[in-house]
Amino acid sequence: MPLPSLSRQVHLTRRPATDPAPADFTVASVPVPELAEGEVLVRNTHLGLGAVMRGLILGTSAPLPPYPVDAALFGPAVGEVIDSASPALRPGQRVRHQAGWRDLSWGPASGFTPIDETVLSDPVAHLLPGPVAYVGLAAVGGVRAGDTVLVTGAAGSVGSLAGQIARLLGAARVIGTAGSPEKAAWAERTLGYDQVLDYRDPGLPAALSAAAPDGLDVVFDTVGGTQLQAAISIARPRARFALCGALASQFGDGHGGVELDLMSVIGKRLTLAGFTPADHPDLVAAWPTQLANWLADGQIVPAEHRVDGLDAAVGALLDLFAGRTRGTVVVHLDNADH
């Protein structure tokens, strides 16, 4: 079978000033170049979408570089090598990489990481942000048996895993926040949270205090803003905060610009630590095996919001920004995309 000569790619055609809209994107056909020495060509099968992409589109994602205008977007993807000019990868190997938002990706083999399908065969599993949740809770938050844990953004991509991981690490009570009563109920029913609160409720601080009458030991925060403020107010002495996101500020929904009570942080000896998975490469390396074991035992539910086809990717991303998705948004590329 001849190799494809064109790649379909989602391009950012202009940088919006406020909320992204369909007109800010286009699907373009781009010629596939001949591979240089050391390069590979990959047919993508699955793309992962995330809330962080809003800042990349708007150019407010510092310190991350924004998406360039008139070029393909990028993001996590899983695919199969279909041509190789590198001894590091051979045709037929599955890989994960960051050159998503297109049906075909190419470049140096060093940019593509082989997937060990004997450990974790489901390609969607490799797009789940499990390493973020695992590192944040195990290493940064240091969840211990008996802890009370709060996860903000409980129904999102990271939060949908974080609550389950907290329980598996020994937490006695796991509380979450979500953007609607429907999402809260789903997270309790499907993900096993003890209680999930609607963060849009102006009575959130009182509701959180009632949900954790003895205070919080660990906070896994993807949001910041008023939710972080409320968590600090009821944190127990020496509570640990793992900070991995600031969605309240990035989405500009009125819940981001708040002043934190630093005297409480100091007086309670709280630990507030930002992190990335790269801080703990040992845990990142161990994650696929850990996830595979939990999946085999039925101890974890991977929450996927599935959409099909590259042409549906932009709509799915805008749905994510609008809060109309739950779990990790994954675009499945069918044969029509190739």
C-alpha atoms as a PDB file:
ATOM      1  CA  MET A   1       0.000   0.000   0.000  1.00  0.00           C
ATOM      2  CA  PRO A   2       1.461   3.401  -0.995  1.00  0.00           C
ATOM      3  CA  LEU A   3       2.159   5.867   1.788  1.00  0.00           C
ATOM      4  CA  PRO A   4      -0.243   8.823   2.082  1.00  0.00           C
ATOM      5  CA  SER A   5       0.844  12.047   0.413  1.00  0.00           C
ATOM      6  CA  LEU A   6      -1.379  14.487   2.316  1.00  0.00           C
ATOM      7  CA  SER A   7      -2.040  15.087   6.008  1.00  0.00           C
ATOM      8  CA  ARG A   8      -5.256  16.631   7.312  1.00  0.00           C
ATOM      9  CA  GLN A   9      -4.493  19.029  10.146  1.00  0.00           C
ATOM     10  CA  VAL A  10      -6.458  21.382  12.392  1.00  0.00           C
ATOM     11  CA  HIS A  11      -4.956  24.876  12.140  1.00  0.00           C
ATOM     12  CA  LEU A  12      -5.524  27.969  14.265  1.00  0.00           C
ATOM     13  CA  THR A  13      -6.385  30.613  11.663  1.00  0.00           C
ATOM     14  CA  ARG A  14      -6.627  33.589  14.034  1.00  0.00           C
ATOM     15  CA  ARG A  15      -6.083  34.224  17.731  1.00  0.00           C
ATOM     16  CA  PRO A  16      -9.404  35.078  19.410  1.00  0.00           C
ATOM     17  CA  ALA A  17      -9.560  37.842  21.992  1.00  0.00           C
ATOM     18  CA  THR A  18     -12.128  36.050  24.144  1.00  0.00           C
ATOM     19  CA  ASP A  19     -13.838  32.682  23.845  1.00  0.00           C
ATOM     20  CA  PRO A  20     -12.636  30.566  20.907  1.00  0.00           C
ATOM     21  CA  ALA A  21     -15.209  29.918  18.169  1.00  0.00           C
ATOM     22  CA  PRO A  22     -15.391  27.524  15.198  1.00  0.00           C
ATOM     23  CA  ALA A  23     -14.368  30.316  12.815  1.00  0.00           C
ATOM     24  CA  ASP A  24     -10.965  30.517  14.536  1.00  0.00           C
ATOM     25  CA  PHE A  25      -9.996  27.101  13.142  1.00  0.00           C
ATOM     26  CA  THR A  26      -9.781  25.324   9.833  1.00  0.00           C
ATOM     27  CA  VAL A  27      -8.914  21.828   8.625  1.00  0.00           C
ATOM     28  CA  ALA A  28      -6.119  22.020   6.053  1.00  0.00           C
ATOM     29  CA  SER A  29      -4.462  19.449   3.803  1.00  0.00           C
ATOM     30  CA  VAL A  30      -0.669  19.562   3.994  1.00  0.00           C
ATOM     31  CA  PRO A  31       1.805  17.611   1.826  1.00  0.00           C
ATOM     32  CA  VAL A  32       3.709  14.875   3.636  1.00  0.00           C
ATOM     33  CA  PRO A  33       7.441  15.367   3.070  1.00  0.00           C
ATOM     34  CA  GLU A  34       9.980  12.659   2.460  1.00  0.00           C
ATOM     35  CA  LEU A  35      11.509  11.506   5.707  1.00  0.00           C
ATOM     36  CA  ALA A  36      14.971  12.722   6.579  1.00  0.00           C
ATOM     37  CA  GLU A  37      17.394  10.387   8.297  1.00  0.00           C
ATOM     38  CA  GLY A  38      16.264   9.678  11.844  1.00  0.00           C
ATOM     39  CA  GLU A  39      12.626  10.619  11.211  1.00  0.00           C
ATOM     40  CA  VAL A  40       9.385   8.610  11.315  1.00  0.00           C
ATOM     41  CA  LEU A  41       5.882   8.940   9.902  1.00  0.00           C
ATOM     42  CA  VAL A  42       2.998   8.084  12.228  1.00  0.00           C
ATOM     43  CA  ARG A  43      -0.684   7.499  11.478  1.00  0.00           C
ATOM     44  CA  ASN A  44      -2.574   8.840  14.468  1.00  0.00           C
ATOM     45  CA  THR A  45      -5.486   6.864  15.852  1.00  0.00           C
ATOM     46  CA  HIS A  46      -6.429   8.827  18.985  1.00  0.00           C
ATOM     47  CA  LEU A  47      -6.063  12.469  20.073  1.00  0.00           C
ATOM     48  CA  GLY A  48      -6.411  13.806  23.609  1.00  0.00           C
ATOM     49  CA  LEU A  49      -7.959  17.231  24.330  1.00  0.00           C
ATOM     50  CA  GLY A  50      -7.530  19.256  27.506  1.00  0.00           C
ATOM     51  CA  ALA A  51      -8.649  22.480  29.195  1.00  0.00           C
ATOM     52  CA  VAL A  52      -5.100  23.840  29.088  1.00  0.00           C
ATOM     53  CA  MET A  53      -5.552  24.245  25.330  1.00  0.00           C
ATOM     54  CA  ARG A  54      -7.736  27.314  25.888  1.00  0.00           C
ATOM     55  CA  GLY A  55      -4.741  29.255  27.161  1.00  0.00           C
ATOM     56  CA  LEU A  56      -2.626  27.983  24.265  1.00  0.00           C
ATOM     57  CA  ILE A  57      -5.234  29.298  21.831  1.00  0.00           C
ATOM     58  CA  LEU A  58      -5.665  32.689  23.528  1.00  0.00           C
ATOM     59  CA  GLY A  59      -1.941  33.131  24.150  1.00  0.00           C
ATOM     60  CA  THR A  60      -2.429  33.357  27.924  1.00  0.00           C
ATOM     61  CA  SER A  61      -0.741  30.071  28.770  1.00  0.00           C
ATOM     62  CA  ALA A  62       2.609  31.394  30.064  1.00  0.00           C
ATOM     63  CA  PRO A  63       5.064  29.849  30.670  1.00  0.00           C
ATOM     64  CA  LEU A  64       3.838  27.453  27.963  1.00  0.00           C
ATOM     65  CA  PRO A  65       4.250  28.703  24.369  1.00  0.00           C
ATOM     66  CA  PRO A  66       0.933  29.521  22.653  1.00  0.00           C
ATOM     67  CA  TYR A  67      -0.303  27.818  19.525  1.00  0.00           C
ATOM     68  CA  PRO A  68       1.108  29.617  16.471  1.00  0.00           C
ATOM     69  CA  VAL A  69      -1.386  31.172  14.071  1.00  0.00           C
ATOM     70  CA  ASP A  70      -1.667  29.608  10.593  1.00  0.00           C
ATOM     71  CA  ALA A  71      -0.142  26.347  11.790  1.00  0.00           C
ATOM     72  CA  ALA A  72      -1.335  23.037  13.151  1.00  0.00           C
ATOM     73  CA  LEU A  73      -2.281  22.778  16.798  1.00  0.00           C
ATOM     74  CA  PHE A  74      -0.407  20.271  18.921  1.00  0.00           C
ATOM     75  CA  GLY A  75      -1.382  17.961  21.763  1.00  0.00           C
ATOM     76  CA  PRO A  76      -1.177  14.393  23.052  1.00  0.00           C
ATOM     77  CA  ALA A  77      -1.811  11.610  20.569  1.00  0.00           C
ATOM     78  CA  VAL A  78      -1.380   7.893  20.048  1.00  0.00           C
ATOM     79  CA  GLY A  79      -0.610   6.387  16.678  1.00  0.00           C
ATOM     80  CA  GLU A  80       1.162   3.717  14.654  1.00  0.00           C
ATOM     81  CA  VAL A  81       4.464   4.116  12.845  1.00  0.00           C
ATOM     82  CA  ILE A  82       3.866   3.565   9.118  1.00  0.00           C
ATOM     83  CA  ASP A  83       7.287   4.591   7.798  1.00  0.00           C
ATOM     84  CA  SER A  84      10.651   4.955   9.459  1.00  0.00           C
ATOM     85  CA  ALA A  85      14.096   6.263   8.606  1.00  0.00           C
ATOM     86  CA  SER A  86      15.304   5.599  12.136  1.00  0.00           C
ATOM     87  CA  PRO A  87      16.597   2.420  13.775  1.00  0.00           C
ATOM     88  CA  ALA A  88      14.852   3.487  16.977  1.00  0.00           C
ATOM     89  CA  LEU A  89      11.331   2.798  15.664  1.00  0.00           C
ATOM     90  CA  ARG A  90       9.951   0.357  13.152  1.00  0.00           C
ATOM     91  CA  PRO A  91       6.693   0.327  11.148  1.00  0.00           C
ATOM     92  CA  GLY A  92       3.863  -1.220  13.126  1.00  0.00           C
ATOM     93  CA  GLN A  93       4.968   0.095  16.512  1.00  0.00           C
ATOM     94  CA  ARG A  94       2.473   2.085  18.549  1.00  0.00           C
ATOM     95  CA  VAL A  95       3.735   5.358  19.945  1.00  0.00           C
ATOM     96  CA  ARG A  96       2.504   8.324  21.940  1.00  0.00           C
ATOM     97  CA  HIS A  97       3.613  11.887  21.258  1.00  0.00           C
ATOM     98  CA  GLN A  98       2.630  15.561  21.397  1.00  0.00           C
ATOM     99  CA  ALA A  99       2.149  16.256  17.675  1.00  0.00           C
ATOM    100  CA  GLY A 100      -1.581  15.639  17.636  1.00  0.00           C
ATOM    101  CA  TRP A 101      -4.460  17.538  15.932  1.00  0.00           C
ATOM    102  CA  ARG A 102      -3.666  15.844  12.611  1.00  0.00           C
ATOM    103  CA  ASP A 103      -4.132  12.412  11.075  1.00  0.00           C
ATOM    104  CA  LEU A 104      -0.439  12.041  10.208  1.00  0.00           C
ATOM    105  CA  SER A 105       2.550  13.236  12.226  1.00  0.00           C
ATOM    106  CA  TRP A 106       6.234  13.136  11.340  1.00  0.00           C
ATOM    107  CA  GLY A 107       9.547  14.213  12.749  1.00  0.00           C
ATOM    108  CA  PRO A 108      12.586  12.934  14.639  1.00  0.00           C
ATOM    109  CA  ALA A 109      12.034   9.549  16.250  1.00  0.00           C
ATOM    110  CA  SER A 110      13.070  11.063  19.582  1.00  0.00           C
ATOM    111  CA  GLY A 111       9.719  12.874  19.666  1.00  0.00           C
ATOM    112  CA  PHE A 112       7.759   9.608  19.688  1.00  0.00           C
ATOM    113  CA  THR A 113       7.687   7.262  22.683  1.00  0.00           C
ATOM    114  CA  PRO A 114       7.006   3.540  22.086  1.00  0.00           C
ATOM    115  CA  ILE A 115       4.055   2.041  23.933  1.00  0.00           C
ATOM    116  CA  ASP A 116       4.535  -1.277  25.677  1.00  0.00           C
ATOM    117  CA  GLU A 117       1.276  -2.952  24.666  1.00  0.00           C
ATOM    118  CA  THR A 118       2.093  -5.985  26.814  1.00  0.00           C
ATOM    119  CA  VAL A 119       1.567  -3.752  29.856  1.00  0.00           C
ATOM    120  CA  LEU A 120      -1.239  -1.445  28.723  1.00  0.00           C
ATOM    121  CA  SER A 121      -2.814  -2.219  25.367  1.00  0.00           C
ATOM    122  CA  ASP A 122      -5.721   0.259  25.270  1.00  0.00           C
ATOM    123  CA  PRO A 123      -4.530   3.370  23.372  1.00  0.00           C
ATOM    124  CA  VAL A 124      -7.051   5.572  25.217  1.00  0.00           C
ATOM    125  CA  ALA A 125      -5.418   4.640  28.514  1.00  0.00           C
ATOM    126  CA  HIS A 126      -2.207   6.275  27.298  1.00  0.00           C
ATOM    127  CA  LEU A 127      -4.039   9.599  26.844  1.00  0.00           C
ATOM    128  CA  LEU A 128      -5.465   9.720  30.353  1.00  0.00           C
ATOM    129  CA  PRO A 129      -3.683  12.308  32.542  1.00  0.00           C
ATOM    130  CA  GLY A 130      -3.010   9.687  35.177  1.00  0.00           C
ATOM    131  CA  PRO A 131       0.632  10.653  35.788  1.00  0.00           C
ATOM    132  CA  VAL A 132      -0.506  14.145  36.850  1.00  0.00           C
ATOM    133  CA  ALA A 133      -2.979  12.784  39.385  1.00  0.00           C
ATOM    134  CA  TYR A 134      -0.659  10.004  40.549  1.00  0.00           C
ATOM    135  CA  VAL A 135       2.359  12.258  41.102  1.00  0.00           C
ATOM    136  CA  GLY A 136       0.271  14.970  42.722  1.00  0.00           C
ATOM    137  CA  LEU A 137      -1.376  12.677  45.217  1.00  0.00           C
ATOM    138  CA  ALA A 138       1.379  10.158  45.915  1.00  0.00           C
ATOM    139  CA  ALA A 139       4.451  12.390  45.941  1.00  0.00           C
ATOM    140  CA  VAL A 140       3.314  16.000  46.400  1.00  0.00           C
ATOM    141  CA  GLY A 141       0.181  15.523  48.509  1.00  0.00           C
ATOM    142  CA  GLY A 142       1.555  12.421  50.157  1.00  0.00           C
ATOM    143  CA  VAL A 143      -1.861  10.840  50.732  1.00  0.00           C
ATOM    144  CA  ARG A 144      -1.830   8.564  53.770  1.00  0.00           C
ATOM    145  CA  ALA A 145      -4.303   6.088  55.206  1.00  0.00           C
ATOM    146  CA  GLY A 146      -7.188   7.874  56.878  1.00  0.00           C
ATOM    147  CA  ASP A 147      -6.716  11.243  55.121  1.00  0.00           C
ATOM    148  CA  THR A 148      -9.568  13.492  54.055  1.00  0.00           C
ATOM    149  CA  VAL A 149      -8.848  14.653  50.500  1.00  0.00           C
ATOM    150  CA  LEU A 150     -10.402  17.411  48.387  1.00  0.00           C
ATOM    151  CA  VAL A 151     -10.129  17.311  44.578  1.00  0.00           C
ATOM    152  CA  THR A 152     -11.244  20.429  42.721  1.00  0.00           C
ATOM    153  CA  GLY A 153     -12.589  19.870  39.216  1.00  0.00           C
ATOM    154  CA  ALA A 154     -13.705  16.366  40.152  1.00  0.00           C
ATOM    155  CA  ALA A 155     -15.512  15.664  36.867  1.00  0.00           C
ATOM    156  CA  GLY A 156     -12.704  16.865  34.617  1.00  0.00           C
ATOM    157  CA  SER A 157      -9.977  14.941  32.890  1.00  0.00           C
ATOM    158  CA  VAL A 158      -7.524  14.975  35.802  1.00  0.00           C
ATOM    159  CA  GLY A 159     -10.084  15.126  38.588  1.00  0.00           C
ATOM    160  CA  SER A 160     -11.991  12.099  37.346  1.00  0.00           C
ATOM    161  CA  LEU A 161      -8.857  10.047  38.017  1.00  0.00           C
ATOM    162  CA  ALA A 162      -7.555  11.930  41.049  1.00  0.00           C
ATOM    163  CA  GLY A 163     -10.496  11.098  43.273  1.00  0.00           C
ATOM    164  CA  GLN A 164     -10.200   7.405  42.523  1.00  0.00           C
ATOM    165  CA  ILE A 165      -6.430   7.404  43.014  1.00  0.00           C
ATOM    166  CA  ALA A 166      -6.762   9.194  46.347  1.00  0.00           C
ATOM    167  CA  ARG A 167      -9.031   6.395  47.557  1.00  0.00           C
ATOM    168  CA  LEU A 168      -6.648   3.720  46.295  1.00  0.00           C
ATOM    169  CA  LEU A 169      -3.783   5.401  48.155  1.00  0.00           C
ATOM    170  CA  GLY A 170      -5.697   5.098  51.404  1.00  0.00           C
ATOM    171  CA  ALA A 171      -7.850   8.207  51.785  1.00  0.00           C
ATOM    172  CA  ALA A 172     -10.771   7.654  54.145  1.00  0.00           C
ATOM    173  CA  ARG A 173     -12.938  10.420  52.696  1.00  0.00           C
ATOM    174  CA  VAL A 174     -12.727  11.976  49.232  1.00  0.00           C
ATOM    175  CA  ILE A 175     -14.602  15.184  48.469  1.00  0.00           C
ATOM    176  CA  GLY A 176     -14.787  16.967  45.125  1.00  0.00           C
ATOM    177  CA  THR A 177     -16.092  20.075  43.413  1.00  0.00           C
ATOM    178  CA  ALA A 178     -17.769  20.280  40.006  1.00  0.00           C
ATOM    179  CA  GLY A 179     -19.501  22.870  37.832  1.00  0.00           C
ATOM    180  CA  SER A 180     -23.101  21.681  38.110  1.00  0.00           C
ATOM    181  CA  PRO A 181     -25.353  19.477  40.244  1.00  0.00           C
ATOM    182  CA  GLU A 182     -25.499  16.996  37.354  1.00  0.00           C
ATOM    183  CA  LYS A 183     -21.721  16.680  37.185  1.00  0.00           C
ATOM    184  CA  ALA A 184     -21.528  16.403  40.946  1.00  0.00           C
ATOM    185  CA  ALA A 185     -24.044  13.566  40.975  1.00  0.00           C
ATOM    186  CA  TRP A 186     -22.206  11.798  38.143  1.00  0.00           C
ATOM    187  CA  ALA A 187     -18.875  12.022  39.962  1.00  0.00           C
ATOM    188  CA  GLU A 188     -20.393  10.559  43.114  1.00  0.00           C
ATOM    189  CA  ARG A 189     -22.209   7.786  41.268  1.00  0.00           C
ATOM    190  CA  THR A 190     -19.554   6.822  38.719  1.00  0.00           C
ATOM    191  CA  LEU A 191     -16.240   7.791  40.278  1.00  0.00           C
ATOM    192  CA  GLY A 192     -16.960   6.948  43.904  1.00  0.00           C
ATOM    193  CA  TYR A 193     -16.553  10.365  45.512  1.00  0.00           C
ATOM    194  CA  ASP A 194     -18.088  10.544  48.976  1.00  0.00           C
ATOM    195  CA  GLN A 195     -19.501  13.981  48.222  1.00  0.00           C
ATOM    196  CA  VAL A 196     -19.146  16.451  45.355  1.00  0.00           C
ATOM    197  CA  LEU A 197     -20.141  20.096  45.741  1.00  0.00           C
ATOM    198  CA  ASP A 198     -21.277  22.560  43.076  1.00  0.00           C
ATOM    199  CA  TYR A 199     -18.548  25.199  43.070  1.00  0.00           C
ATOM    200  CA  ARG A 200     -20.919  27.737  41.512  1.00  0.00           C
ATOM    201  CA  ASP A 201     -22.982  27.704  44.703  1.00  0.00           C
ATOM    202  CA  PRO A 202     -22.205  30.927  46.623  1.00  0.00           C
ATOM    203  CA  GLY A 203     -22.479  28.876  49.821  1.00  0.00           C
ATOM    204  CA  LEU A 204     -19.455  26.735  48.833  1.00  0.00           C
ATOM    205  CA  PRO A 205     -17.260  27.619  51.871  1.00  0.00           C
ATOM    206  CA  ALA A 206     -19.994  26.583  54.324  1.00  0.00           C
ATOM    207  CA  ALA A 207     -20.843  23.479  52.288  1.00  0.00           C
ATOM    208  CA  LEU A 208     -17.190  22.463  52.174  1.00  0.00           C
ATOM    209  CA  SER A 209     -16.841  22.936  55.913  1.00  0.00           C
ATOM    210  CA  ALA A 210     -19.905  20.744  56.475  1.00  0.00           C
ATOM    211  CA  ALA A 211     -18.542  18.082  54.079  1.00  0.00           C
ATOM    212  CA  ALA A 212     -15.210  17.956  55.943  1.00  0.00           C
ATOM    213  CA  PRO A 213     -16.064  18.818  59.577  1.00  0.00           C
ATOM    214  CA  ASP A 214     -12.652  17.687  60.783  1.00  0.00           C
ATOM    215  CA  GLY A 215     -10.805  19.622  58.079  1.00  0.00           C
ATOM    216  CA  LEU A 216      -8.741  18.645  55.042  1.00  0.00           C
ATOM    217  CA  ASP A 217      -5.453  16.742  55.056  1.00  0.00           C
ATOM    218  CA  VAL A 218      -4.727  16.894  51.316  1.00  0.00           C
ATOM    219  CA  VAL A 219      -5.983  19.177  48.549  1.00  0.00           C
ATOM    220  CA  PHE A 220      -5.433  18.305  44.892  1.00  0.00           C
ATOM    221  CA  ASP A 221      -6.229  21.565  43.123  1.00  0.00           C
ATOM    222  CA  THR A 222      -6.742  21.994  39.389  1.00  0.00           C
ATOM    223  CA  VAL A 223      -8.704  25.245  39.643  1.00  0.00           C
ATOM    224  CA  GLY A 224      -7.383  27.787  42.150  1.00  0.00           C
ATOM    225  CA  GLY A 225      -9.446  30.879  42.888  1.00  0.00           C
ATOM    226  CA  THR A 226     -12.345  30.761  45.307  1.00  0.00           C
ATOM    227  CA  GLN A 227     -12.114  26.985  45.660  1.00  0.00           C
ATOM    228  CA  LEU A 228      -8.496  27.127  46.789  1.00  0.00           C
ATOM    229  CA  GLN A 229      -9.425  29.986  49.111  1.00  0.00           C
ATOM    230  CA  ALA A 230     -12.195  27.905  50.699  1.00  0.00           C
ATOM    231  CA  ALA A 231      -9.915  24.871  51.052  1.00  0.00           C
ATOM    232  CA  ILE A 232      -7.254  26.880  52.885  1.00  0.00           C
ATOM    233  CA  SER A 233      -9.868  28.112  55.345  1.00  0.00           C
ATOM    234  CA  ILE A 234     -10.703  24.599  56.568  1.00  0.00           C
ATOM    235  CA  ALA A 235      -7.356  22.874  56.068  1.00  0.00           C
ATOM    236  CA  ARG A 236      -5.957  21.017  59.036  1.00  0.00           C
ATOM    237  CA  PRO A 237      -2.526  21.990  60.437  1.00  0.00           C
ATOM    238  CA  ARG A 238       0.259  20.818  58.110  1.00  0.00           C
ATOM    239  CA  ALA A 239      -2.156  19.954  55.305  1.00  0.00           C
ATOM    240  CA  ARG A 240      -0.543  19.383  51.905  1.00  0.00           C
ATOM    241  CA  PHE A 241      -1.757  21.162  48.750  1.00  0.00           C
ATOM    242  CA  ALA A 242      -0.762  19.776  45.332  1.00  0.00           C
ATOM    243  CA  LEU A 243      -1.353  22.564  42.801  1.00  0.00           C
ATOM    244  CA  CYS A 244      -1.509  21.481  39.154  1.00  0.00           C
ATOM    245  CA  GLY A 245      -3.867  23.988  37.515  1.00  0.00           C
ATOM    246  CA  ALA A 246      -5.423  27.447  37.630  1.00  0.00           C
ATOM    247  CA  LEU A 247      -8.537  26.982  35.522  1.00  0.00           C
ATOM    248  CA  ALA A 248     -10.506  29.643  37.411  1.00  0.00           C
ATOM    249  CA  SER A 249      -8.074  32.311  36.227  1.00  0.00           C
ATOM    250  CA  GLN A 250      -7.564  30.805  32.770  1.00  0.00           C
ATOM    251  CA  PHE A 251     -11.289  30.644  32.059  1.00  0.00           C
ATOM    252  CA  GLY A 252     -12.030  34.092  33.538  1.00  0.00           C
ATOM    253  CA  ASP A 253     -15.321  32.950  35.065  1.00  0.00           C
ATOM    254  CA  GLY A 254     -15.236  35.307  38.037  1.00  0.00           C
ATOM    255  CA  HIS A 255     -13.909  32.681  40.441  1.00  0.00           C
ATOM    256  CA  GLY A 256     -10.206  33.251  39.864  1.00  0.00           C
ATOM    257  CA  GLY A 257      -9.145  36.660  41.137  1.00  0.00           C
ATOM    258  CA  VAL A 258      -9.066  36.196  44.899  1.00  0.00           C
ATOM    259  CA  GLU A 259      -6.662  36.971  47.715  1.00  0.00           C
ATOM    260  CA  LEU A 260      -5.427  33.965  49.646  1.00  0.00           C
ATOM    261  CA  ASP A 261      -5.231  34.067  53.438  1.00  0.00           C
ATOM    262  CA  LEU A 262      -1.473  33.816  53.790  1.00  0.00           C
ATOM    263  CA  MET A 263      -1.643  34.148  57.571  1.00  0.00           C
ATOM    264  CA  SER A 264      -3.634  30.909  57.653  1.00  0.00           C
ATOM    265  CA  VAL A 265      -1.079  29.295  55.343  1.00  0.00           C
ATOM    266  CA  ILE A 266       1.715  30.364  57.681  1.00  0.00           C
ATOM    267  CA  GLY A 267      -0.076  29.745  60.946  1.00  0.00           C
ATOM    268  CA  LYS A 268      -1.233  26.269  59.976  1.00  0.00           C
ATOM    269  CA  ARG A 269       2.154  25.392  58.433  1.00  0.00           C
ATOM    270  CA  LEU A 270       0.437  24.473  55.177  1.00  0.00           C
ATOM    271  CA  THR A 271       2.446  23.216  52.223  1.00  0.00           C
ATOM    272  CA  LEU A 272       1.342  24.631  48.849  1.00  0.00           C
ATOM    273  CA  ALA A 273       3.435  23.084  46.077  1.00  0.00           C
ATOM    274  CA  GLY A 274       3.149  23.437  42.345  1.00  0.00           C
ATOM    275  CA  PHE A 275       4.379  20.475  40.326  1.00  0.00           C
ATOM    276  CA  THR A 276       4.530  18.681  37.004  1.00  0.00           C
ATOM    277  CA  PRO A 277       4.840  14.933  36.420  1.00  0.00           C
ATOM    278  CA  ALA A 278       8.390  15.502  35.161  1.00  0.00           C
ATOM    279  CA  ASP A 279       9.388  16.206  38.774  1.00  0.00           C
ATOM    280  CA  HIS A 280       8.995  12.496  39.536  1.00  0.00           C
ATOM    281  CA  PRO A 281      10.076  10.427  36.493  1.00  0.00           C
ATOM    282  CA  ASP A 282      10.093   7.258  38.586  1.00  0.00           C
ATOM    283  CA  LEU A 283       6.359   7.540  39.253  1.00  0.00           C
ATOM    284  CA  VAL A 284       5.658   8.446  35.626  1.00  0.00           C
ATOM    285  CA  ALA A 285       7.516   5.328  34.505  1.00  0.00           C
ATOM    286  CA  ALA A 286       5.600   3.192  37.007  1.00  0.00           C
ATOM    287  CA  TRP A 287       2.191   4.595  36.045  1.00  0.00           C
ATOM    288  CA  PRO A 288       1.297   2.291  33.085  1.00  0.00           C
ATOM    289  CA  THR A 289       1.854  -0.833  35.191  1.00  0.00           C
ATOM    290  CA  GLN A 290       0.003   0.674  38.151  1.00  0.00           C
ATOM    291  CA  LEU A 291      -2.952   1.637  35.967  1.00  0.00           C
ATOM    292  CA  ALA A 292      -2.994  -1.763  34.256  1.00  0.00           C
ATOM    293  CA  ASN A 293      -3.155  -3.481  37.660  1.00  0.00           C
ATOM    294  CA  TRP A 294      -5.964  -1.257  38.892  1.00  0.00           C
ATOM    295  CA  LEU A 295      -7.916  -1.750  35.671  1.00  0.00           C
ATOM    296  CA  ALA A 296      -7.468  -5.518  35.836  1.00  0.00           C
ATOM    297  CA  ASP A 297      -8.790  -5.514  39.402  1.00  0.00           C
ATOM    298  CA  GLY A 298     -11.737  -3.283  38.517  1.00  0.00           C
ATOM    299  CA  GLN A 299     -10.532  -0.682  41.015  1.00  0.00           C
ATOM    300  CA  ILE A 300     -10.525   2.300  38.690  1.00  0.00           C
ATOM    301  CA  VAL A 301     -13.008   3.617  36.106  1.00  0.00           C
ATOM    302  CA  PRO A 302     -11.419   5.446  33.135  1.00  0.00           C
ATOM    303  CA  ALA A 303     -13.841   8.247  32.275  1.00  0.00           C
ATOM    304  CA  GLU A 304     -13.737   8.983  28.545  1.00  0.00           C
ATOM    305  CA  HIS A 305     -15.801  11.471  26.546  1.00  0.00           C
ATOM    306  CA  ARG A 306     -15.514  10.036  23.041  1.00  0.00           C
ATOM    307  CA  VAL A 307     -15.887  11.882  19.750  1.00  0.00           C
ATOM    308  CA  ASP A 308     -15.203  10.488  16.284  1.00  0.00           C
ATOM    309  CA  GLY A 309     -13.259  12.018  13.417  1.00  0.00           C
ATOM    310  CA  LEU A 310     -10.850  14.922  13.032  1.00  0.00           C
ATOM    311  CA  ASP A 311     -13.663  17.192  11.812  1.00  0.00           C
ATOM    312  CA  ALA A 312     -15.350  16.820  15.221  1.00  0.00           C
ATOM    313  CA  ALA A 313     -12.258  17.786  17.200  1.00  0.00           C
ATOM    314  CA  VAL A 314     -12.845  21.547  17.335  1.00  0.00           C
ATOM    315  CA  GLY A 315     -16.470  21.137  18.393  1.00  0.00           C
ATOM    316  CA  ALA A 316     -15.402  18.730  21.114  1.00  0.00           C
ATOM    317  CA  LEU A 317     -12.804  21.198  22.370  1.00  0.00           C
ATOM    318  CA  LEU A 318     -15.356  24.011  22.515  1.00  0.00           C
ATOM    319  CA  ASP A 319     -17.738  21.700  24.371  1.00  0.00           C
ATOM    320  CA  LEU A 320     -14.946  21.028  26.874  1.00  0.00           C
ATOM    321  CA  PHE A 321     -14.386  24.769  27.379  1.00  0.00           C
ATOM    322  CA  ALA A 322     -18.130  25.252  27.900  1.00  0.00           C
ATOM    323  CA  GLY A 323     -18.279  22.527  30.542  1.00  0.00           C
ATOM    324  CA  ARG A 324     -20.327  20.129  28.437  1.00  0.00           C
ATOM    325  CA  THR A 325     -17.936  17.163  28.784  1.00  0.00           C
ATOM    326  CA  ARG A 326     -16.930  14.810  31.592  1.00  0.00           C
ATOM    327  CA  GLY A 327     -13.672  12.947  31.991  1.00  0.00           C
ATOM    328  CA  THR A 328     -10.986  12.937  29.298  1.00  0.00           C
ATOM    329  CA  VAL A 329     -12.037  14.039  25.803  1.00  0.00           C
ATOM    330  CA  VAL A 330     -10.593  11.640  23.222  1.00  0.00           C
ATOM    331  CA  VAL A 331     -10.960  11.980  19.442  1.00  0.00           C
ATOM    332  CA  HIS A 332     -11.004   8.620  17.662  1.00  0.00           C
ATOM    333  CA  LEU A 333      -9.723   8.947  14.107  1.00  0.00           C
ATOM    334  CA  ASP A 334     -11.501   6.583  11.731  1.00  0.00           C
ATOM    335  CA  ASN A 335     -10.446   5.440   8.269  1.00  0.00           C
ATOM    336  CA  ALA A 336     -12.020   8.502   6.695  1.00  0.00           C
ATOM    337  CA  ASP A 337      -9.400  10.623   8.440  1.00  0.00           C
ATOM    338  CA  HIS A 338      -6.604   8.773   6.677  1.00  0.00           C
END
